[in-house]
Amino acid sequence: MIIGIDCSKDTLDVAQAIEKKAGYIGKFTNDKAGFEKIYEQVKQSSLVVMEASGPYYMPVAYYLHEKGLSVSVVNPLVIKRYCQMKLTRTKTDKKDAVMIAMYGE
């Protein structure tokens, strides 16, 4: 299972991709309480992927890495180009999380 996280100042949108199928997990707060809830949902995953979006991704990336998960931080332009390649035009946090998970897979 690959996890995609779309990071913003206040929230983290989380999605998963399994065997070419992706689904939305939920929206969590971008703080330690939110990180703990995310970890409980994704602790069995093989990889967590997120964009390098300002400073907002760093705390959750460090937290999940310290918990033993493999974390990959990707240039946002790479994700943008992947979305263009897939011909997606919708730009929401939920959809971005799903696309990040699919990119990770």
PDB file of N, CA and C in Angstrom:
ATOM      1  N   MET A   1       0.844  -1.176   0.000  1.00  0.00           N
ATOM      2  CA  MET A   1       0.000   0.000   0.000  1.00  0.00           C
ATOM      3  C   MET A   1       0.889   1.239   0.000  1.00  0.00           C
ATOM      4  N   ILE A   2       0.591   2.165  -0.902  1.00  0.00           N
ATOM      5  CA  ILE A   2       1.302   3.429  -1.005  1.00  0.00           C
ATOM      6  C   ILE A   2       0.375   4.531  -0.509  1.00  0.00           C
ATOM      7  N   ILE A   3       0.905   5.421   0.305  1.00  0.00           N
ATOM      8  CA  ILE A   3       0.138   6.523   0.869  1.00  0.00           C
ATOM      9  C   ILE A   3       0.580   7.827   0.223  1.00  0.00           C
ATOM     10  N   GLY A   4      -0.385   8.659  -0.144  1.00  0.00           N
ATOM     11  CA  GLY A   4      -0.118   9.995  -0.653  1.00  0.00           C
ATOM     12  C   GLY A   4      -0.684  11.014   0.311  1.00  0.00           C
ATOM     13  N   ILE A   5       0.110  12.040   0.627  1.00  0.00           N
ATOM     14  CA  ILE A   5      -0.344  13.084   1.547  1.00  0.00           C
ATOM     15  C   ILE A   5      -0.206  14.434   0.859  1.00  0.00           C
ATOM     16  N   ASP A   6      -1.310  15.174   0.801  1.00  0.00           N
ATOM     17  CA  ASP A   6      -1.298  16.554   0.324  1.00  0.00           C
ATOM     18  C   ASP A   6      -1.253  17.448   1.552  1.00  0.00           C
ATOM     19  N   CYS A   7      -0.188  18.222   1.681  1.00  0.00           N
ATOM     20  CA  CYS A   7       0.053  19.014   2.888  1.00  0.00           C
ATOM     21  C   CYS A   7      -0.331  20.475   2.675  1.00  0.00           C
ATOM     22  N   SER A   8      -0.978  21.045   3.680  1.00  0.00           N
ATOM     23  CA  SER A   8      -1.230  22.475   3.715  1.00  0.00           C
ATOM     24  C   SER A   8      -0.958  22.963   5.141  1.00  0.00           C
ATOM     25  N   LYS A   9      -1.110  24.247   5.356  1.00  0.00           N
ATOM     26  CA  LYS A   9      -0.772  24.819   6.658  1.00  0.00           C
ATOM     27  C   LYS A   9      -1.536  24.162   7.806  1.00  0.00           C
ATOM     28  N   ASP A  10      -2.838  23.974   7.616  1.00  0.00           N
ATOM     29  CA  ASP A  10      -3.676  23.484   8.716  1.00  0.00           C
ATOM     30  C   ASP A  10      -4.090  22.025   8.609  1.00  0.00           C
ATOM     31  N   THR A  11      -4.102  21.464   7.389  1.00  0.00           N
ATOM     32  CA  THR A  11      -4.625  20.108   7.220  1.00  0.00           C
ATOM     33  C   THR A  11      -3.731  19.250   6.341  1.00  0.00           C
ATOM     34  N   LEU A  12      -3.918  17.946   6.485  1.00  0.00           N
ATOM     35  CA  LEU A  12      -3.236  16.946   5.677  1.00  0.00           C
ATOM     36  C   LEU A  12      -4.302  16.026   5.092  1.00  0.00           C
ATOM     37  N   ASP A  13      -4.386  15.973   3.758  1.00  0.00           N
ATOM     38  CA  ASP A  13      -5.305  15.057   3.094  1.00  0.00           C
ATOM     39  C   ASP A  13      -4.535  13.797   2.741  1.00  0.00           C
ATOM     40  N   VAL A  14      -5.089  12.642   3.103  1.00  0.00           N
ATOM     41  CA  VAL A  14      -4.381  11.375   2.968  1.00  0.00           C
ATOM     42  C   VAL A  14      -5.179  10.432   2.074  1.00  0.00           C
ATOM     43  N   ALA A  15      -4.466   9.770   1.144  1.00  0.00           N
ATOM     44  CA  ALA A  15      -5.076   8.786   0.250  1.00  0.00           C
ATOM     45  C   ALA A  15      -4.155   7.580   0.166  1.00  0.00           C
ATOM     46  N   GLN A  16      -4.695   6.466  -0.338  1.00  0.00           N
ATOM     47  CA  GLN A  16      -3.897   5.256  -0.501  1.00  0.00           C
ATOM     48  C   GLN A  16      -4.064   4.712  -1.910  1.00  0.00           C
ATOM     49  N   ALA A  17      -3.038   4.043  -2.384  1.00  0.00           N
ATOM     50  CA  ALA A  17      -3.102   3.366  -3.683  1.00  0.00           C
ATOM     51  C   ALA A  17      -2.673   1.919  -3.473  1.00  0.00           C
ATOM     52  N   ILE A  18      -3.516   1.016  -3.971  1.00  0.00           N
ATOM     53  CA  ILE A  18      -3.229  -0.415  -3.893  1.00  0.00           C
ATOM     54  C   ILE A  18      -3.550  -1.016  -5.247  1.00  0.00           C
ATOM     55  N   GLU A  19      -2.558  -1.599  -5.887  1.00  0.00           N
ATOM     56  CA  GLU A  19      -2.736  -2.294  -7.161  1.00  0.00           C
ATOM     57  C   GLU A  19      -3.534  -1.472  -8.166  1.00  0.00           C
ATOM     58  N   LYS A  20      -3.034  -0.293  -8.466  1.00  0.00           N
ATOM     59  CA  LYS A  20      -3.607   0.606  -9.482  1.00  0.00           C
ATOM     60  C   LYS A  20      -4.958   1.197  -9.114  1.00  0.00           C
ATOM     61  N   LYS A  21      -5.407   1.013  -7.879  1.00  0.00           N
ATOM     62  CA  LYS A  21      -6.648   1.619  -7.413  1.00  0.00           C
ATOM     63  C   LYS A  21      -6.323   2.527  -6.242  1.00  0.00           C
ATOM     64  N   ALA A  22      -6.890   3.723  -6.267  1.00  0.00           N
ATOM     65  CA  ALA A  22      -6.612   4.687  -5.205  1.00  0.00           C
ATOM     66  C   ALA A  22      -7.899   5.098  -4.524  1.00  0.00           C
ATOM     67  N   GLY A  23      -7.802   5.399  -3.248  1.00  0.00           N
ATOM     68  CA  GLY A  23      -8.957   5.837  -2.480  1.00  0.00           C
ATOM     69  C   GLY A  23      -8.555   6.841  -1.422  1.00  0.00           C
ATOM     70  N   TYR A  24      -9.473   7.688  -1.087  1.00  0.00           N
ATOM     71  CA  TYR A  24      -9.242   8.744  -0.106  1.00  0.00           C
ATOM     72  C   TYR A  24      -9.440   8.187   1.301  1.00  0.00           C
ATOM     73  N   ILE A  25      -8.502   8.480   2.195  1.00  0.00           N
ATOM     74  CA  ILE A  25      -8.604   8.030   3.590  1.00  0.00           C
ATOM     75  C   ILE A  25      -9.273   9.084   4.449  1.00  0.00           C
ATOM     76  N   GLY A  26      -8.804  10.341   4.335  1.00  0.00           N
ATOM     77  CA  GLY A  26      -9.421  11.392   5.139  1.00  0.00           C
ATOM     78  C   GLY A  26      -8.563  12.619   5.291  1.00  0.00           C
ATOM     79  N   LYS A  27      -9.100  13.588   6.023  1.00  0.00           N
ATOM     80  CA  LYS A  27      -8.434  14.860   6.294  1.00  0.00           C
ATOM     81  C   LYS A  27      -8.065  14.882   7.777  1.00  0.00           C
ATOM     82  N   PHE A  28      -6.824  15.271   8.047  1.00  0.00           N
ATOM     83  CA  PHE A  28      -6.306  15.292   9.408  1.00  0.00           C
ATOM     84  C   PHE A  28      -5.670  16.653   9.681  1.00  0.00           C
ATOM     85  N   THR A  29      -5.588  17.006  10.946  1.00  0.00           N
ATOM     86  CA  THR A  29      -4.956  18.272  11.298  1.00  0.00           C
ATOM     87  C   THR A  29      -3.443  18.154  11.139  1.00  0.00           C
ATOM     88  N   ASN A  30      -2.815  19.257  10.789  1.00  0.00           N
ATOM     89  CA  ASN A  30      -1.359  19.283  10.601  1.00  0.00           C
ATOM     90  C   ASN A  30      -0.699  19.624  11.941  1.00  0.00           C
ATOM     91  N   ASP A  31      -0.832  18.697  12.887  1.00  0.00           N
ATOM     92  CA  ASP A  31      -0.203  18.814  14.198  1.00  0.00           C
ATOM     93  C   ASP A  31       0.038  17.403  14.734  1.00  0.00           C
ATOM     94  N   LYS A  32       0.642  17.307  15.899  1.00  0.00           N
ATOM     95  CA  LYS A  32       1.010  15.992  16.421  1.00  0.00           C
ATOM     96  C   LYS A  32      -0.192  15.063  16.593  1.00  0.00           C
ATOM     97  N   ALA A  33      -1.321  15.597  17.014  1.00  0.00           N
ATOM     98  CA  ALA A  33      -2.524  14.768  17.168  1.00  0.00           C
ATOM     99  C   ALA A  33      -2.940  14.195  15.812  1.00  0.00           C
ATOM    100  N   GLY A  34      -2.873  15.011  14.771  1.00  0.00           N
ATOM    101  CA  GLY A  34      -3.195  14.542  13.429  1.00  0.00           C
ATOM    102  C   GLY A  34      -2.199  13.517  12.939  1.00  0.00           C
ATOM    103  N   PHE A  35      -0.904  13.736  13.243  1.00  0.00           N
ATOM    104  CA  PHE A  35       0.141  12.796  12.822  1.00  0.00           C
ATOM    105  C   PHE A  35      -0.099  11.424  13.439  1.00  0.00           C
ATOM    106  N   GLU A  36      -0.494  11.405  14.713  1.00  0.00           N
ATOM    107  CA  GLU A  36      -0.751  10.134  15.393  1.00  0.00           C
ATOM    108  C   GLU A  36      -1.923   9.391  14.750  1.00  0.00           C
ATOM    109  N   LYS A  37      -2.971  10.132  14.390  1.00  0.00           N
ATOM    110  CA  LYS A  37      -4.121   9.511  13.731  1.00  0.00           C
ATOM    111  C   LYS A  37      -3.736   8.970  12.352  1.00  0.00           C
ATOM    112  N   ILE A  38      -2.925   9.738  11.634  1.00  0.00           N
ATOM    113  CA  ILE A  38      -2.457   9.274  10.320  1.00  0.00           C
ATOM    114  C   ILE A  38      -1.648   7.999  10.482  1.00  0.00           C
ATOM    115  N   TYR A  39      -0.733   7.991  11.432  1.00  0.00           N
ATOM    116  CA  TYR A  39       0.109   6.807  11.644  1.00  0.00           C
ATOM    117  C   TYR A  39      -0.726   5.566  11.918  1.00  0.00           C
ATOM    118  N   GLU A  40      -1.755   5.708  12.726  1.00  0.00           N
ATOM    119  CA  GLU A  40      -2.625   4.560  13.017  1.00  0.00           C
ATOM    120  C   GLU A  40      -3.289   4.024  11.742  1.00  0.00           C
ATOM    121  N   GLN A  41      -3.591   4.905  10.799  1.00  0.00           N
ATOM    122  CA  GLN A  41      -4.230   4.501   9.544  1.00  0.00           C
ATOM    123  C   GLN A  41      -3.246   3.878   8.556  1.00  0.00           C
ATOM    124  N   VAL A  42      -1.975   4.321   8.588  1.00  0.00           N
ATOM    125  CA  VAL A  42      -1.041   3.966   7.509  1.00  0.00           C
ATOM    126  C   VAL A  42       0.164   3.155   7.955  1.00  0.00           C
ATOM    127  N   LYS A  43       0.185   2.680   9.197  1.00  0.00           N
ATOM    128  CA  LYS A  43       1.389   2.026   9.709  1.00  0.00           C
ATOM    129  C   LYS A  43       1.776   0.756   8.959  1.00  0.00           C
ATOM    130  N   GLN A  44       0.871   0.166   8.197  1.00  0.00           N
ATOM    131  CA  GLN A  44       1.186  -1.033   7.421  1.00  0.00           C
ATOM    132  C   GLN A  44       1.632  -0.715   5.991  1.00  0.00           C
ATOM    133  N   SER A  45       1.750   0.568   5.661  1.00  0.00           N
ATOM    134  CA  SER A  45       2.096   0.946   4.282  1.00  0.00           C
ATOM    135  C   SER A  45       3.572   0.723   3.997  1.00  0.00           C
ATOM    136  N   SER A  46       3.883   0.577   2.716  1.00  0.00           N
ATOM    137  CA  SER A  46       5.272   0.367   2.319  1.00  0.00           C
ATOM    138  C   SER A  46       5.976   1.682   1.996  1.00  0.00           C
ATOM    139  N   LEU A  47       5.201   2.737   1.674  1.00  0.00           N
ATOM    140  CA  LEU A  47       5.803   4.021   1.303  1.00  0.00           C
ATOM    141  C   LEU A  47       4.793   5.134   1.510  1.00  0.00           C
ATOM    142  N   VAL A  48       5.281   6.267   2.020  1.00  0.00           N
ATOM    143  CA  VAL A  48       4.471   7.471   2.150  1.00  0.00           C
ATOM    144  C   VAL A  48       5.105   8.526   1.255  1.00  0.00           C
ATOM    145  N   VAL A  49       4.296   9.107   0.359  1.00  0.00           N
ATOM    146  CA  VAL A  49       4.782  10.109  -0.591  1.00  0.00           C
ATOM    147  C   VAL A  49       4.061  11.420  -0.334  1.00  0.00           C
ATOM    148  N   MET A  50       4.812  12.523  -0.372  1.00  0.00           N
ATOM    149  CA  MET A  50       4.224  13.858  -0.224  1.00  0.00           C
ATOM    150  C   MET A  50       5.028  14.865  -1.024  1.00  0.00           C
ATOM    151  N   GLU A  51       4.401  15.998  -1.329  1.00  0.00           N
ATOM    152  CA  GLU A  51       5.087  17.067  -2.033  1.00  0.00           C
ATOM    153  C   GLU A  51       5.873  17.913  -1.043  1.00  0.00           C
ATOM    154  N   ALA A  52       6.952  18.514  -1.535  1.00  0.00           N
ATOM    155  CA  ALA A  52       7.713  19.473  -0.738  1.00  0.00           C
ATOM    156  C   ALA A  52       7.002  20.810  -0.839  1.00  0.00           C
ATOM    157  N   SER A  53       5.967  20.997  -0.032  1.00  0.00           N
ATOM    158  CA  SER A  53       5.136  22.199  -0.117  1.00  0.00           C
ATOM    159  C   SER A  53       5.482  23.158   1.017  1.00  0.00           C
ATOM    160  N   GLY A  54       6.385  24.082   0.732  1.00  0.00           N
ATOM    161  CA  GLY A  54       6.806  25.027   1.761  1.00  0.00           C
ATOM    162  C   GLY A  54       7.326  24.277   2.974  1.00  0.00           C
ATOM    163  N   PRO A  55       7.107  24.813   4.160  1.00  0.00           N
ATOM    164  CA  PRO A  55       7.559  24.124   5.379  1.00  0.00           C
ATOM    165  C   PRO A  55       6.511  23.167   5.943  1.00  0.00           C
ATOM    166  N   TYR A  56       5.352  23.038   5.301  1.00  0.00           N
ATOM    167  CA  TYR A  56       4.224  22.331   5.885  1.00  0.00           C
ATOM    168  C   TYR A  56       4.390  20.814   5.933  1.00  0.00           C
ATOM    169  N   TYR A  57       5.202  20.251   5.071  1.00  0.00           N
ATOM    170  CA  TYR A  57       5.347  18.801   5.012  1.00  0.00           C
ATOM    171  C   TYR A  57       6.359  18.275   6.024  1.00  0.00           C
ATOM    172  N   MET A  58       7.275  19.116   6.458  1.00  0.00           N
ATOM    173  CA  MET A  58       8.418  18.643   7.253  1.00  0.00           C
ATOM    174  C   MET A  58       8.041  17.963   8.571  1.00  0.00           C
ATOM    175  N   PRO A  59       7.170  18.544   9.406  1.00  0.00           N
ATOM    176  CA  PRO A  59       6.864  17.866  10.676  1.00  0.00           C
ATOM    177  C   PRO A  59       6.259  16.477  10.494  1.00  0.00           C
ATOM    178  N   VAL A  60       5.314  16.324   9.570  1.00  0.00           N
ATOM    179  CA  VAL A  60       4.706  15.004   9.365  1.00  0.00           C
ATOM    180  C   VAL A  60       5.708  14.039   8.736  1.00  0.00           C
ATOM    181  N   ALA A  61       6.562  14.525   7.851  1.00  0.00           N
ATOM    182  CA  ALA A  61       7.581  13.662   7.235  1.00  0.00           C
ATOM    183  C   ALA A  61       8.542  13.136   8.303  1.00  0.00           C
ATOM    184  N   TYR A  62       9.011  14.009   9.179  1.00  0.00           N
ATOM    185  CA  TYR A  62       9.905  13.578  10.251  1.00  0.00           C
ATOM    186  C   TYR A  62       9.204  12.607  11.204  1.00  0.00           C
ATOM    187  N   TYR A  63       7.966  12.918  11.560  1.00  0.00           N
ATOM    188  CA  TYR A  63       7.219  12.065  12.487  1.00  0.00           C
ATOM    189  C   TYR A  63       7.069  10.646  11.935  1.00  0.00           C
ATOM    190  N   LEU A  64       6.612  10.545  10.685  1.00  0.00           N
ATOM    191  CA  LEU A  64       6.397   9.217  10.095  1.00  0.00           C
ATOM    192  C   LEU A  64       7.715   8.476   9.892  1.00  0.00           C
ATOM    193  N   HIS A  65       8.771   9.210   9.532  1.00  0.00           N
ATOM    194  CA  HIS A  65      10.088   8.579   9.370  1.00  0.00           C
ATOM    195  C   HIS A  65      10.594   8.041  10.712  1.00  0.00           C
ATOM    196  N   GLU A  66      10.429   8.825  11.759  1.00  0.00           N
ATOM    197  CA  GLU A  66      10.857   8.376  13.090  1.00  0.00           C
ATOM    198  C   GLU A  66      10.068   7.157  13.564  1.00  0.00           C
ATOM    199  N   LYS A  67       8.850   6.980  13.068  1.00  0.00           N
ATOM    200  CA  LYS A  67       8.039   5.813  13.395  1.00  0.00           C
ATOM    201  C   LYS A  67       8.424   4.592  12.557  1.00  0.00           C
ATOM    202  N   GLY A  68       9.390   4.764  11.636  1.00  0.00           N
ATOM    203  CA  GLY A  68       9.876   3.625  10.866  1.00  0.00           C
ATOM    204  C   GLY A  68       9.302   3.474   9.475  1.00  0.00           C
ATOM    205  N   LEU A  69       8.487   4.418   9.020  1.00  0.00           N
ATOM    206  CA  LEU A  69       7.929   4.335   7.672  1.00  0.00           C
ATOM    207  C   LEU A  69       8.903   4.928   6.649  1.00  0.00           C
ATOM    208  N   SER A  70       8.863   4.412   5.440  1.00  0.00           N
ATOM    209  CA  SER A  70       9.641   4.984   4.343  1.00  0.00           C
ATOM    210  C   SER A  70       8.893   6.202   3.833  1.00  0.00           C
ATOM    211  N   VAL A  71       9.560   7.342   3.805  1.00  0.00           N
ATOM    212  CA  VAL A  71       8.942   8.597   3.393  1.00  0.00           C
ATOM    213  C   VAL A  71       9.702   9.162   2.202  1.00  0.00           C
ATOM    214  N   SER A  72       8.952   9.548   1.168  1.00  0.00           N
ATOM    215  CA  SER A  72       9.541  10.159  -0.014  1.00  0.00           C
ATOM    216  C   SER A  72       8.924  11.540  -0.211  1.00  0.00           C
ATOM    217  N   VAL A  73       9.767  12.560  -0.267  1.00  0.00           N
ATOM    218  CA  VAL A  73       9.304  13.925  -0.499  1.00  0.00           C
ATOM    219  C   VAL A  73       9.674  14.292  -1.929  1.00  0.00           C
ATOM    220  N   VAL A  74       8.660  14.660  -2.717  1.00  0.00           N
ATOM    221  CA  VAL A  74       8.821  14.851  -4.153  1.00  0.00           C
ATOM    222  C   VAL A  74       8.625  16.327  -4.512  1.00  0.00           C
ATOM    223  N   ASN A  75       9.355  16.773  -5.511  1.00  0.00           N
ATOM    224  CA  ASN A  75       9.204  18.124  -6.043  1.00  0.00           C
ATOM    225  C   ASN A  75       7.771  18.298  -6.552  1.00  0.00           C
ATOM    226  N   PRO A  76       7.073  19.368  -6.169  1.00  0.00           N
ATOM    227  CA  PRO A  76       5.690  19.564  -6.620  1.00  0.00           C
ATOM    228  C   PRO A  76       5.540  19.612  -8.145  1.00  0.00           C
ATOM    229  N   LEU A  77       6.553  20.066  -8.841  1.00  0.00           N
ATOM    230  CA  LEU A  77       6.480  20.112 -10.300  1.00  0.00           C
ATOM    231  C   LEU A  77       6.379  18.708 -10.893  1.00  0.00           C
ATOM    232  N   VAL A  78       7.013  17.741 -10.266  1.00  0.00           N
ATOM    233  CA  VAL A  78       6.938  16.357 -10.732  1.00  0.00           C
ATOM    234  C   VAL A  78       5.497  15.854 -10.624  1.00  0.00           C
ATOM    235  N   ILE A  79       4.848  16.146  -9.506  1.00  0.00           N
ATOM    236  CA  ILE A  79       3.456  15.730  -9.320  1.00  0.00           C
ATOM    237  C   ILE A  79       2.557  16.460 -10.314  1.00  0.00           C
ATOM    238  N   LYS A  80       2.803  17.743 -10.526  1.00  0.00           N
ATOM    239  CA  LYS A  80       2.005  18.508 -11.485  1.00  0.00           C
ATOM    240  C   LYS A  80       2.094  17.895 -12.878  1.00  0.00           C
ATOM    241  N   ARG A  81       3.305  17.549 -13.299  1.00  0.00           N
ATOM    242  CA  ARG A  81       3.491  16.944 -14.622  1.00  0.00           C
ATOM    243  C   ARG A  81       2.855  15.558 -14.697  1.00  0.00           C
ATOM    244  N   TYR A  82       2.909  14.803 -13.611  1.00  0.00           N
ATOM    245  CA  TYR A  82       2.254  13.497 -13.581  1.00  0.00           C
ATOM    246  C   TYR A  82       0.746  13.667 -13.771  1.00  0.00           C
ATOM    247  N   CYS A  83       0.156  14.636 -13.084  1.00  0.00           N
ATOM    248  CA  CYS A  83      -1.276  14.900 -13.218  1.00  0.00           C
ATOM    249  C   CYS A  83      -1.620  15.313 -14.650  1.00  0.00           C
ATOM    250  N   GLN A  84      -0.761  16.131 -15.267  1.00  0.00           N
ATOM    251  CA  GLN A  84      -0.988  16.528 -16.653  1.00  0.00           C
ATOM    252  C   GLN A  84      -0.922  15.323 -17.579  1.00  0.00           C
ATOM    253  N   MET A  85       0.021  14.439 -17.319  1.00  0.00           N
ATOM    254  CA  MET A  85       0.149  13.235 -18.128  1.00  0.00           C
ATOM    255  C   MET A  85      -1.102  12.364 -18.020  1.00  0.00           C
ATOM    256  N   LYS A  86      -1.707  12.341 -16.827  1.00  0.00           N
ATOM    257  CA  LYS A  86      -2.925  11.560 -16.604  1.00  0.00           C
ATOM    258  C   LYS A  86      -4.180  12.313 -17.043  1.00  0.00           C
ATOM    259  N   LEU A  87      -3.992  13.521 -17.570  1.00  0.00           N
ATOM    260  CA  LEU A  87      -5.079  14.368 -18.080  1.00  0.00           C
ATOM    261  C   LEU A  87      -6.112  14.723 -17.010  1.00  0.00           C
ATOM    262  N   THR A  88      -5.637  14.959 -15.796  1.00  0.00           N
ATOM    263  CA  THR A  88      -6.542  15.395 -14.731  1.00  0.00           C
ATOM    264  C   THR A  88      -6.508  16.908 -14.642  1.00  0.00           C
ATOM    265  N   ARG A  89      -7.651  17.511 -14.457  1.00  0.00           N
ATOM    266  CA  ARG A  89      -7.747  18.958 -14.367  1.00  0.00           C
ATOM    267  C   ARG A  89      -8.290  19.404 -13.029  1.00  0.00           C
ATOM    268  N   THR A  90      -8.920  18.522 -12.313  1.00  0.00           N
ATOM    269  CA  THR A  90      -9.498  18.876 -11.023  1.00  0.00           C
ATOM    270  C   THR A  90      -8.375  19.180 -10.040  1.00  0.00           C
ATOM    271  N   LYS A  91      -8.487  20.279  -9.311  1.00  0.00           N
ATOM    272  CA  LYS A  91      -7.438  20.673  -8.371  1.00  0.00           C
ATOM    273  C   LYS A  91      -8.061  20.872  -6.994  1.00  0.00           C
ATOM    274  N   THR A  92      -8.191  19.775  -6.249  1.00  0.00           N
ATOM    275  CA  THR A  92      -8.653  19.841  -4.863  1.00  0.00           C
ATOM    276  C   THR A  92      -7.638  19.091  -4.012  1.00  0.00           C
ATOM    277  N   ASP A  93      -7.636  19.370  -2.728  1.00  0.00           N
ATOM    278  CA  ASP A  93      -6.702  18.686  -1.832  1.00  0.00           C
ATOM    279  C   ASP A  93      -6.944  17.183  -1.832  1.00  0.00           C
ATOM    280  N   LYS A  94      -8.208  16.796  -1.844  1.00  0.00           N
ATOM    281  CA  LYS A  94      -8.564  15.378  -1.849  1.00  0.00           C
ATOM    282  C   LYS A  94      -8.038  14.696  -3.108  1.00  0.00           C
ATOM    283  N   LYS A  95      -8.272  15.290  -4.256  1.00  0.00           N
ATOM    284  CA  LYS A  95      -7.818  14.723  -5.537  1.00  0.00           C
ATOM    285  C   LYS A  95      -6.289  14.726  -5.616  1.00  0.00           C
ATOM    286  N   ASP A  96      -5.656  15.790  -5.103  1.00  0.00           N
ATOM    287  CA  ASP A  96      -4.191  15.842  -5.095  1.00  0.00           C
ATOM    288  C   ASP A  96      -3.598  14.696  -4.280  1.00  0.00           C
ATOM    289  N   ALA A  97      -4.186  14.391  -3.128  1.00  0.00           N
ATOM    290  CA  ALA A  97      -3.699  13.285  -2.297  1.00  0.00           C
ATOM    291  C   ALA A  97      -3.798  11.968  -3.049  1.00  0.00           C
ATOM    292  N   VAL A  98      -4.903  11.759  -3.762  1.00  0.00           N
ATOM    293  CA  VAL A  98      -5.082  10.537  -4.541  1.00  0.00           C
ATOM    294  C   VAL A  98      -4.035  10.466  -5.655  1.00  0.00           C
ATOM    295  N   MET A  99      -3.792  11.575  -6.335  1.00  0.00           N
ATOM    296  CA  MET A  99      -2.820  11.582  -7.425  1.00  0.00           C
ATOM    297  C   MET A  99      -1.393  11.359  -6.902  1.00  0.00           C
ATOM    298  N   ILE A 100      -1.079  11.895  -5.737  1.00  0.00           N
ATOM    299  CA  ILE A 100       0.245  11.676  -5.134  1.00  0.00           C
ATOM    300  C   ILE A 100       0.420  10.193  -4.807  1.00  0.00           C
ATOM    301  N   ALA A 101      -0.629   9.566  -4.275  1.00  0.00           N
ATOM    302  CA  ALA A 101      -0.563   8.128  -3.971  1.00  0.00           C
ATOM    303  C   ALA A 101      -0.365   7.329  -5.257  1.00  0.00           C
ATOM    304  N   MET A 102      -1.083   7.688  -6.305  1.00  0.00           N
ATOM    305  CA  MET A 102      -0.936   6.986  -7.577  1.00  0.00           C
ATOM    306  C   MET A 102       0.455   7.186  -8.164  1.00  0.00           C
ATOM    307  N   TYR A 103       0.997   8.382  -8.024  1.00  0.00           N
ATOM    308  CA  TYR A 103       2.369   8.639  -8.477  1.00  0.00           C
ATOM    309  C   TYR A 103       3.342   7.743  -7.703  1.00  0.00           C
ATOM    310  N   GLY A 104       3.149   7.634  -6.412  1.00  0.00           N
ATOM    311  CA  GLY A 104       4.023   6.803  -5.585  1.00  0.00           C
ATOM    312  C   GLY A 104       3.988   5.337  -5.973  1.00  0.00           C
ATOM    313  N   GLU A 105       2.829   4.905  -6.415  1.00  0.00           N
ATOM    314  CA  GLU A 105       2.713   3.504  -6.826  1.00  0.00           C
ATOM    315  C   GLU A 105       3.446   3.293  -8.135  1.00  0.00           C
TER     316      GLU A 105
END
